[in-house]
């Protein structure tokens, strides 16, 4: 069975929503996102914290969606 390796988004329109989530999470954690888009100078701990926090929020939204409740994006207090 051939493996398909793709790092692209499955749903192209989700890019803007993921970017918004990234900036909200960074603001909540007090992490500054590089303006030039180069993350090579970012401290590994901050990058890992940001990625982990985003994953946590996405899982919470998916669980809320599966439970039948409205998964709200952008509500900082709910995901603390």
PDB file of N, CA and C in Angstrom:
ATOM      1  N   UNK A   1       0.833  -1.160   0.000  1.00  0.00           N
ATOM      2  CA  UNK A   1       0.000   0.000   0.000  1.00  0.00           C
ATOM      3  C   UNK A   1       0.892   1.242   0.000  1.00  0.00           C
ATOM      4  N   UNK A   2       0.631   2.129  -0.900  1.00  0.00           N
ATOM      5  CA  UNK A   2       1.427   3.345  -1.022  1.00  0.00           C
ATOM      6  C   UNK A   2       0.978   4.375   0.000  1.00  0.00           C
ATOM      7  N   UNK A   3       1.929   5.047   0.580  1.00  0.00           N
ATOM      8  CA  UNK A   3       1.625   6.106   1.535  1.00  0.00           C
ATOM      9  C   UNK A   3       1.620   7.438   0.818  1.00  0.00           C
ATOM     10  N   UNK A   4       0.658   8.229   1.135  1.00  0.00           N
ATOM     11  CA  UNK A   4       0.606   9.573   0.572  1.00  0.00           C
ATOM     12  C   UNK A   4       1.162  10.542   1.601  1.00  0.00           C
ATOM     13  N   UNK A   5       2.207  11.226   1.268  1.00  0.00           N
ATOM     14  CA  UNK A   5       2.812  12.187   2.174  1.00  0.00           C
ATOM     15  C   UNK A   5       2.432  13.587   1.731  1.00  0.00           C
ATOM     16  N   UNK A   6       1.680  14.215   2.564  1.00  0.00           N
ATOM     17  CA  UNK A   6       1.245  15.561   2.245  1.00  0.00           C
ATOM     18  C   UNK A   6       1.214  16.374   3.529  1.00  0.00           C
ATOM     19  N   UNK A   7       1.808  17.520   3.484  1.00  0.00           N
ATOM     20  CA  UNK A   7       1.796  18.407   4.642  1.00  0.00           C
ATOM     21  C   UNK A   7       0.805  19.545   4.438  1.00  0.00           C
ATOM     22  N   UNK A   8       0.098  19.521   3.322  1.00  0.00           N
ATOM     23  CA  UNK A   8      -0.859  20.584   3.033  1.00  0.00           C
ATOM     24  C   UNK A   8      -2.158  20.397   3.795  1.00  0.00           C
ATOM     25  N   UNK A   9      -2.972  21.432   3.774  1.00  0.00           N
ATOM     26  CA  UNK A   9      -4.263  21.379   4.437  1.00  0.00           C
ATOM     27  C   UNK A   9      -5.247  20.579   3.599  1.00  0.00           C
ATOM     28  N   UNK A  10      -6.057  19.766   4.254  1.00  0.00           N
ATOM     29  CA  UNK A  10      -7.079  19.014   3.536  1.00  0.00           C
ATOM     30  C   UNK A  10      -8.186  19.939   3.055  1.00  0.00           C
ATOM     31  N   UNK A  11      -8.527  20.912   3.872  1.00  0.00           N
ATOM     32  CA  UNK A  11      -9.530  21.905   3.510  1.00  0.00           C
ATOM     33  C   UNK A  11      -8.816  23.246   3.413  1.00  0.00           C
ATOM     34  N   UNK A  12      -8.672  23.753   2.218  1.00  0.00           N
ATOM     35  CA  UNK A  12      -7.881  24.956   1.992  1.00  0.00           C
ATOM     36  C   UNK A  12      -8.417  26.172   2.756  1.00  0.00           C
ATOM     37  N   UNK A  13      -9.722  26.261   2.938  1.00  0.00           N
ATOM     38  CA  UNK A  13     -10.315  27.405   3.624  1.00  0.00           C
ATOM     39  C   UNK A  13     -10.014  27.402   5.127  1.00  0.00           C
ATOM     40  N   UNK A  14      -9.497  26.317   5.650  1.00  0.00           N
ATOM     41  CA  UNK A  14      -9.213  26.244   7.081  1.00  0.00           C
ATOM     42  C   UNK A  14      -7.940  27.000   7.456  1.00  0.00           C
ATOM     43  N   UNK A  15      -7.160  27.401   6.487  1.00  0.00           N
ATOM     44  CA  UNK A  15      -5.905  28.098   6.766  1.00  0.00           C
ATOM     45  C   UNK A  15      -6.094  29.370   7.565  1.00  0.00           C
ATOM     46  N   UNK A  16      -7.080  30.176   7.193  1.00  0.00           N
ATOM     47  CA  UNK A  16      -7.329  31.432   7.901  1.00  0.00           C
ATOM     48  C   UNK A  16      -7.776  31.170   9.335  1.00  0.00           C
ATOM     49  N   UNK A  17      -8.621  30.157   9.535  1.00  0.00           N
ATOM     50  CA  UNK A  17      -9.095  29.827  10.880  1.00  0.00           C
ATOM     51  C   UNK A  17      -7.938  29.329  11.749  1.00  0.00           C
ATOM     52  N   UNK A  18      -7.044  28.533  11.174  1.00  0.00           N
ATOM     53  CA  UNK A  18      -5.895  28.042  11.941  1.00  0.00           C
ATOM     54  C   UNK A  18      -4.931  29.172  12.285  1.00  0.00           C
ATOM     55  N   UNK A  19      -4.749  30.100  11.364  1.00  0.00           N
ATOM     56  CA  UNK A  19      -3.897  31.258  11.656  1.00  0.00           C
ATOM     57  C   UNK A  19      -4.494  32.084  12.793  1.00  0.00           C
ATOM     58  N   UNK A  20      -5.801  32.297  12.745  1.00  0.00           N
ATOM     59  CA  UNK A  20      -6.472  33.048  13.806  1.00  0.00           C
ATOM     60  C   UNK A  20      -6.298  32.341  15.144  1.00  0.00           C
ATOM     61  N   UNK A  21      -6.462  31.036  15.156  1.00  0.00           N
ATOM     62  CA  UNK A  21      -6.284  30.246  16.374  1.00  0.00           C
ATOM     63  C   UNK A  21      -4.846  30.364  16.880  1.00  0.00           C
ATOM     64  N   UNK A  22      -3.887  30.351  15.964  1.00  0.00           N
ATOM     65  CA  UNK A  22      -2.474  30.468  16.342  1.00  0.00           C
ATOM     66  C   UNK A  22      -2.194  31.811  17.019  1.00  0.00           C
ATOM     67  N   UNK A  23      -2.721  32.896  16.456  1.00  0.00           N
ATOM     68  CA  UNK A  23      -2.480  34.218  17.029  1.00  0.00           C
ATOM     69  C   UNK A  23      -3.203  34.392  18.368  1.00  0.00           C
ATOM     70  N   UNK A  24      -4.414  33.840  18.492  1.00  0.00           N
ATOM     71  CA  UNK A  24      -5.128  33.897  19.768  1.00  0.00           C
ATOM     72  C   UNK A  24      -4.369  33.129  20.845  1.00  0.00           C
ATOM     73  N   UNK A  25      -3.902  31.942  20.507  1.00  0.00           N
ATOM     74  CA  UNK A  25      -3.167  31.120  21.468  1.00  0.00           C
ATOM     75  C   UNK A  25      -1.869  31.804  21.879  1.00  0.00           C
ATOM     76  N   UNK A  26      -1.169  32.378  20.924  1.00  0.00           N
ATOM     77  CA  UNK A  26       0.085  33.069  21.234  1.00  0.00           C
ATOM     78  C   UNK A  26      -0.165  34.246  22.168  1.00  0.00           C
ATOM     79  N   UNK A  27      -1.235  34.969  21.925  1.00  0.00           N
ATOM     80  CA  UNK A  27      -1.561  36.108  22.781  1.00  0.00           C
ATOM     81  C   UNK A  27      -1.890  35.643  24.199  1.00  0.00           C
ATOM     82  N   UNK A  28      -2.658  34.560  24.322  1.00  0.00           N
ATOM     83  CA  UNK A  28      -3.009  34.034  25.632  1.00  0.00           C
ATOM     84  C   UNK A  28      -1.791  33.540  26.397  1.00  0.00           C
ATOM     85  N   UNK A  29      -0.812  32.984  25.682  1.00  0.00           N
ATOM     86  CA  UNK A  29       0.390  32.453  26.324  1.00  0.00           C
ATOM     87  C   UNK A  29       1.476  33.515  26.492  1.00  0.00           C
ATOM     88  N   UNK A  30       1.281  34.686  25.902  1.00  0.00           N
ATOM     89  CA  UNK A  30       2.289  35.744  25.997  1.00  0.00           C
ATOM     90  C   UNK A  30       3.494  35.506  25.103  1.00  0.00           C
ATOM     91  N   UNK A  31       3.283  34.825  23.992  1.00  0.00           N
ATOM     92  CA  UNK A  31       4.353  34.513  23.051  1.00  0.00           C
ATOM     93  C   UNK A  31       4.207  35.416  21.834  1.00  0.00           C
ATOM     94  N   UNK A  32       5.319  35.979  21.381  1.00  0.00           N
ATOM     95  CA  UNK A  32       5.257  36.829  20.191  1.00  0.00           C
ATOM     96  C   UNK A  32       5.571  35.990  18.951  1.00  0.00           C
ATOM     97  N   UNK A  33       4.705  36.121  17.952  1.00  0.00           N
ATOM     98  CA  UNK A  33       4.874  35.417  16.681  1.00  0.00           C
ATOM     99  C   UNK A  33       5.802  36.264  15.807  1.00  0.00           C
ATOM    100  N   UNK A  34       6.825  35.661  15.182  1.00  0.00           N
ATOM    101  CA  UNK A  34       7.724  36.432  14.311  1.00  0.00           C
ATOM    102  C   UNK A  34       6.958  37.051  13.142  1.00  0.00           C
ATOM    103  N   UNK A  35       7.163  38.326  12.913  1.00  0.00           N
ATOM    104  CA  UNK A  35       6.462  39.036  11.845  1.00  0.00           C
ATOM    105  C   UNK A  35       6.868  38.553  10.459  1.00  0.00           C
ATOM    106  N   UNK A  36       8.101  38.094  10.311  1.00  0.00           N
ATOM    107  CA  UNK A  36       8.567  37.657   8.989  1.00  0.00           C
ATOM    108  C   UNK A  36       8.192  36.203   8.683  1.00  0.00           C
ATOM    109  N   UNK A  37       7.573  35.502   9.643  1.00  0.00           N
ATOM    110  CA  UNK A  37       7.142  34.136   9.421  1.00  0.00           C
ATOM    111  C   UNK A  37       8.233  33.097   9.629  1.00  0.00           C
ATOM    112  N   UNK A  38       9.430  33.531  10.002  1.00  0.00           N
ATOM    113  CA  UNK A  38      10.540  32.609  10.234  1.00  0.00           C
ATOM    114  C   UNK A  38      10.583  32.244  11.718  1.00  0.00           C
ATOM    115  N   UNK A  39      10.360  30.974  12.015  1.00  0.00           N
ATOM    116  CA  UNK A  39      10.299  30.518  13.392  1.00  0.00           C
ATOM    117  C   UNK A  39      11.637  29.968  13.889  1.00  0.00           C
ATOM    118  N   UNK A  40      12.688  30.061  13.093  1.00  0.00           N
ATOM    119  CA  UNK A  40      13.983  29.511  13.454  1.00  0.00           C
ATOM    120  C   UNK A  40      14.624  30.173  14.649  1.00  0.00           C
ATOM    121  N   UNK A  41      14.273  31.421  14.910  1.00  0.00           N
ATOM    122  CA  UNK A  41      14.843  32.131  16.056  1.00  0.00           C
ATOM    123  C   UNK A  41      13.964  32.049  17.295  1.00  0.00           C
ATOM    124  N   UNK A  42      12.865  31.348  17.180  1.00  0.00           N
ATOM    125  CA  UNK A  42      11.943  31.210  18.305  1.00  0.00           C
ATOM    126  C   UNK A  42      12.459  30.123  19.249  1.00  0.00           C
ATOM    127  N   UNK A  43      12.333  30.342  20.535  1.00  0.00           N
ATOM    128  CA  UNK A  43      12.783  29.380  21.530  1.00  0.00           C
ATOM    129  C   UNK A  43      11.935  28.107  21.410  1.00  0.00           C
ATOM    130  N   UNK A  44      12.581  26.963  21.467  1.00  0.00           N
ATOM    131  CA  UNK A  44      11.885  25.681  21.305  1.00  0.00           C
ATOM    132  C   UNK A  44      10.766  25.500  22.317  1.00  0.00           C
ATOM    133  N   UNK A  45      10.997  25.950  23.521  1.00  0.00           N
ATOM    134  CA  UNK A  45       9.973  25.813  24.562  1.00  0.00           C
ATOM    135  C   UNK A  45       8.714  26.587  24.193  1.00  0.00           C
ATOM    136  N   UNK A  46       8.881  27.801  23.650  1.00  0.00           N
ATOM    137  CA  UNK A  46       7.729  28.600  23.254  1.00  0.00           C
ATOM    138  C   UNK A  46       6.998  27.963  22.076  1.00  0.00           C
ATOM    139  N   UNK A  47       7.754  27.493  21.087  1.00  0.00           N
ATOM    140  CA  UNK A  47       7.137  26.865  19.919  1.00  0.00           C
ATOM    141  C   UNK A  47       6.379  25.608  20.333  1.00  0.00           C
ATOM    142  N   UNK A  48       6.949  24.816  21.222  1.00  0.00           N
ATOM    143  CA  UNK A  48       6.287  23.615  21.701  1.00  0.00           C
ATOM    144  C   UNK A  48       5.046  23.927  22.515  1.00  0.00           C
ATOM    145  N   UNK A  49       5.137  24.954  23.354  1.00  0.00           N
ATOM    146  CA  UNK A  49       3.979  25.365  24.140  1.00  0.00           C
ATOM    147  C   UNK A  49       2.850  25.840  23.244  1.00  0.00           C
ATOM    148  N   UNK A  50       3.197  26.602  22.227  1.00  0.00           N
ATOM    149  CA  UNK A  50       2.195  27.116  21.298  1.00  0.00           C
ATOM    150  C   UNK A  50       1.522  25.968  20.550  1.00  0.00           C
ATOM    151  N   UNK A  51       2.305  25.047  20.031  1.00  0.00           N
ATOM    152  CA  UNK A  51       1.749  23.906  19.310  1.00  0.00           C
ATOM    153  C   UNK A  51       0.894  23.019  20.195  1.00  0.00           C
ATOM    154  N   UNK A  52       1.337  22.792  21.403  1.00  0.00           N
ATOM    155  CA  UNK A  52       0.572  21.978  22.347  1.00  0.00           C
ATOM    156  C   UNK A  52      -0.738  22.628  22.738  1.00  0.00           C
ATOM    157  N   UNK A  53      -0.699  23.935  22.929  1.00  0.00           N
ATOM    158  CA  UNK A  53      -1.908  24.666  23.313  1.00  0.00           C
ATOM    159  C   UNK A  53      -2.922  24.677  22.170  1.00  0.00           C
ATOM    160  N   UNK A  54      -2.440  24.857  20.952  1.00  0.00           N
ATOM    161  CA  UNK A  54      -3.327  24.818  19.787  1.00  0.00           C
ATOM    162  C   UNK A  54      -3.967  23.440  19.662  1.00  0.00           C
ATOM    163  N   UNK A  55      -3.177  22.393  19.836  1.00  0.00           N
ATOM    164  CA  UNK A  55      -3.704  21.033  19.762  1.00  0.00           C
ATOM    165  C   UNK A  55      -4.753  20.804  20.839  1.00  0.00           C
ATOM    166  N   UNK A  56      -4.486  21.278  22.039  1.00  0.00           N
ATOM    167  CA  UNK A  56      -5.430  21.134  23.141  1.00  0.00           C
ATOM    168  C   UNK A  56      -6.761  21.800  22.793  1.00  0.00           C
ATOM    169  N   UNK A  57      -6.703  23.000  22.243  1.00  0.00           N
ATOM    170  CA  UNK A  57      -7.936  23.718  21.884  1.00  0.00           C
ATOM    171  C   UNK A  57      -8.676  23.021  20.750  1.00  0.00           C
ATOM    172  N   UNK A  58      -7.948  22.505  19.771  1.00  0.00           N
ATOM    173  CA  UNK A  58      -8.608  21.800  18.666  1.00  0.00           C
ATOM    174  C   UNK A  58      -9.296  20.532  19.161  1.00  0.00           C
ATOM    175  N   UNK A  59      -8.662  19.813  20.077  1.00  0.00           N
ATOM    176  CA  UNK A  59      -9.269  18.602  20.641  1.00  0.00           C
ATOM    177  C   UNK A  59     -10.512  18.975  21.442  1.00  0.00           C
ATOM    178  N   UNK A  60     -10.447  20.043  22.234  1.00  0.00           N
ATOM    179  CA  UNK A  60     -11.603  20.469  23.003  1.00  0.00           C
ATOM    180  C   UNK A  60     -12.766  20.860  22.081  1.00  0.00           C
ATOM    181  N   UNK A  61     -12.457  21.542  20.983  1.00  0.00           N
ATOM    182  CA  UNK A  61     -13.498  21.928  20.035  1.00  0.00           C
ATOM    183  C   UNK A  61     -14.111  20.702  19.371  1.00  0.00           C
ATOM    184  N   UNK A  62     -13.290  19.719  19.031  1.00  0.00           N
ATOM    185  CA  UNK A  62     -13.801  18.489  18.414  1.00  0.00           C
ATOM    186  C   UNK A  62     -14.666  17.712  19.392  1.00  0.00           C
ATOM    187  N   UNK A  63     -14.239  17.625  20.654  1.00  0.00           N
ATOM    188  CA  UNK A  63     -15.036  16.933  21.659  1.00  0.00           C
ATOM    189  C   UNK A  63     -16.371  17.625  21.867  1.00  0.00           C
ATOM    190  N   UNK A  64     -16.357  18.958  21.897  1.00  0.00           N
ATOM    191  CA  UNK A  64     -17.596  19.710  22.055  1.00  0.00           C
ATOM    192  C   UNK A  64     -18.511  19.486  20.859  1.00  0.00           C
ATOM    193  N   UNK A  65     -17.933  19.420  19.680  1.00  0.00           N
ATOM    194  CA  UNK A  65     -18.714  19.189  18.468  1.00  0.00           C
ATOM    195  C   UNK A  65     -19.338  17.801  18.484  1.00  0.00           C
ATOM    196  N   UNK A  66     -18.584  16.802  18.907  1.00  0.00           N
ATOM    197  CA  UNK A  66     -19.094  15.445  18.977  1.00  0.00           C
ATOM    198  C   UNK A  66     -20.158  15.288  20.064  1.00  0.00           C
ATOM    199  N   UNK A  67     -20.032  16.067  21.118  1.00  0.00           N
ATOM    200  CA  UNK A  67     -20.999  16.007  22.209  1.00  0.00           C
ATOM    201  C   UNK A  67     -22.285  16.746  21.857  1.00  0.00           C
ATOM    202  N   UNK A  68     -22.268  17.481  20.745  1.00  0.00           N
ATOM    203  CA  UNK A  68     -23.458  18.190  20.310  1.00  0.00           C
ATOM    204  C   UNK A  68     -23.567  19.608  20.819  1.00  0.00           C
ATOM    205  N   UNK A  69     -22.547  20.084  21.527  1.00  0.00           N
ATOM    206  CA  UNK A  69     -22.567  21.463  21.984  1.00  0.00           C
ATOM    207  C   UNK A  69     -21.838  22.322  20.983  1.00  0.00           C
ATOM    208  N   UNK A  70     -22.119  23.581  21.007  1.00  0.00           N
ATOM    209  CA  UNK A  70     -21.482  24.506  20.065  1.00  0.00           C
ATOM    210  C   UNK A  70     -20.046  24.741  20.494  1.00  0.00           C
ATOM    211  N   UNK A  71     -19.095  24.369  19.659  1.00  0.00           N
ATOM    212  CA  UNK A  71     -17.685  24.641  19.919  1.00  0.00           C
ATOM    213  C   UNK A  71     -17.391  26.070  19.527  1.00  0.00           C
ATOM    214  N   UNK A  72     -17.132  26.926  20.502  1.00  0.00           N
ATOM    215  CA  UNK A  72     -16.938  28.337  20.203  1.00  0.00           C
ATOM    216  C   UNK A  72     -15.464  28.634  20.068  1.00  0.00           C
ATOM    217  N   UNK A  73     -15.113  29.319  19.016  1.00  0.00           N
ATOM    218  CA  UNK A  73     -13.740  29.748  18.809  1.00  0.00           C
ATOM    219  C   UNK A  73     -13.606  31.165  19.329  1.00  0.00           C
ATOM    220  N   UNK A  74     -12.435  31.451  19.863  1.00  0.00           N
ATOM    221  CA  UNK A  74     -12.150  32.809  20.267  1.00  0.00           C
ATOM    222  C   UNK A  74     -12.598  33.147  21.678  1.00  0.00           C
ATOM    223  N   UNK A  75     -13.082  32.208  22.442  1.00  0.00           N
ATOM    224  CA  UNK A  75     -13.457  32.474  23.820  1.00  0.00           C
ATOM    225  C   UNK A  75     -12.332  32.009  24.721  1.00  0.00           C
ATOM    226  N   UNK A  76     -11.510  32.942  25.112  1.00  0.00           N
ATOM    227  CA  UNK A  76     -10.291  32.613  25.847  1.00  0.00           C
ATOM    228  C   UNK A  76     -10.578  31.956  27.188  1.00  0.00           C
ATOM    229  N   UNK A  77     -11.578  32.402  27.918  1.00  0.00           N
ATOM    230  CA  UNK A  77     -11.831  31.875  29.245  1.00  0.00           C
ATOM    231  C   UNK A  77     -12.231  30.412  29.244  1.00  0.00           C
ATOM    232  N   UNK A  78     -12.849  29.956  28.203  1.00  0.00           N
ATOM    233  CA  UNK A  78     -13.335  28.600  28.155  1.00  0.00           C
ATOM    234  C   UNK A  78     -12.202  27.585  28.044  1.00  0.00           C
ATOM    235  N   UNK A  79     -11.095  27.957  27.470  1.00  0.00           N
ATOM    236  CA  UNK A  79     -10.022  27.014  27.201  1.00  0.00           C
ATOM    237  C   UNK A  79      -8.832  27.164  28.137  1.00  0.00           C
ATOM    238  N   UNK A  80      -8.976  27.900  29.189  1.00  0.00           N
ATOM    239  CA  UNK A  80      -7.853  28.125  30.097  1.00  0.00           C
ATOM    240  C   UNK A  80      -7.569  26.919  30.936  1.00  0.00           C
TER     241      UNK A  80
END
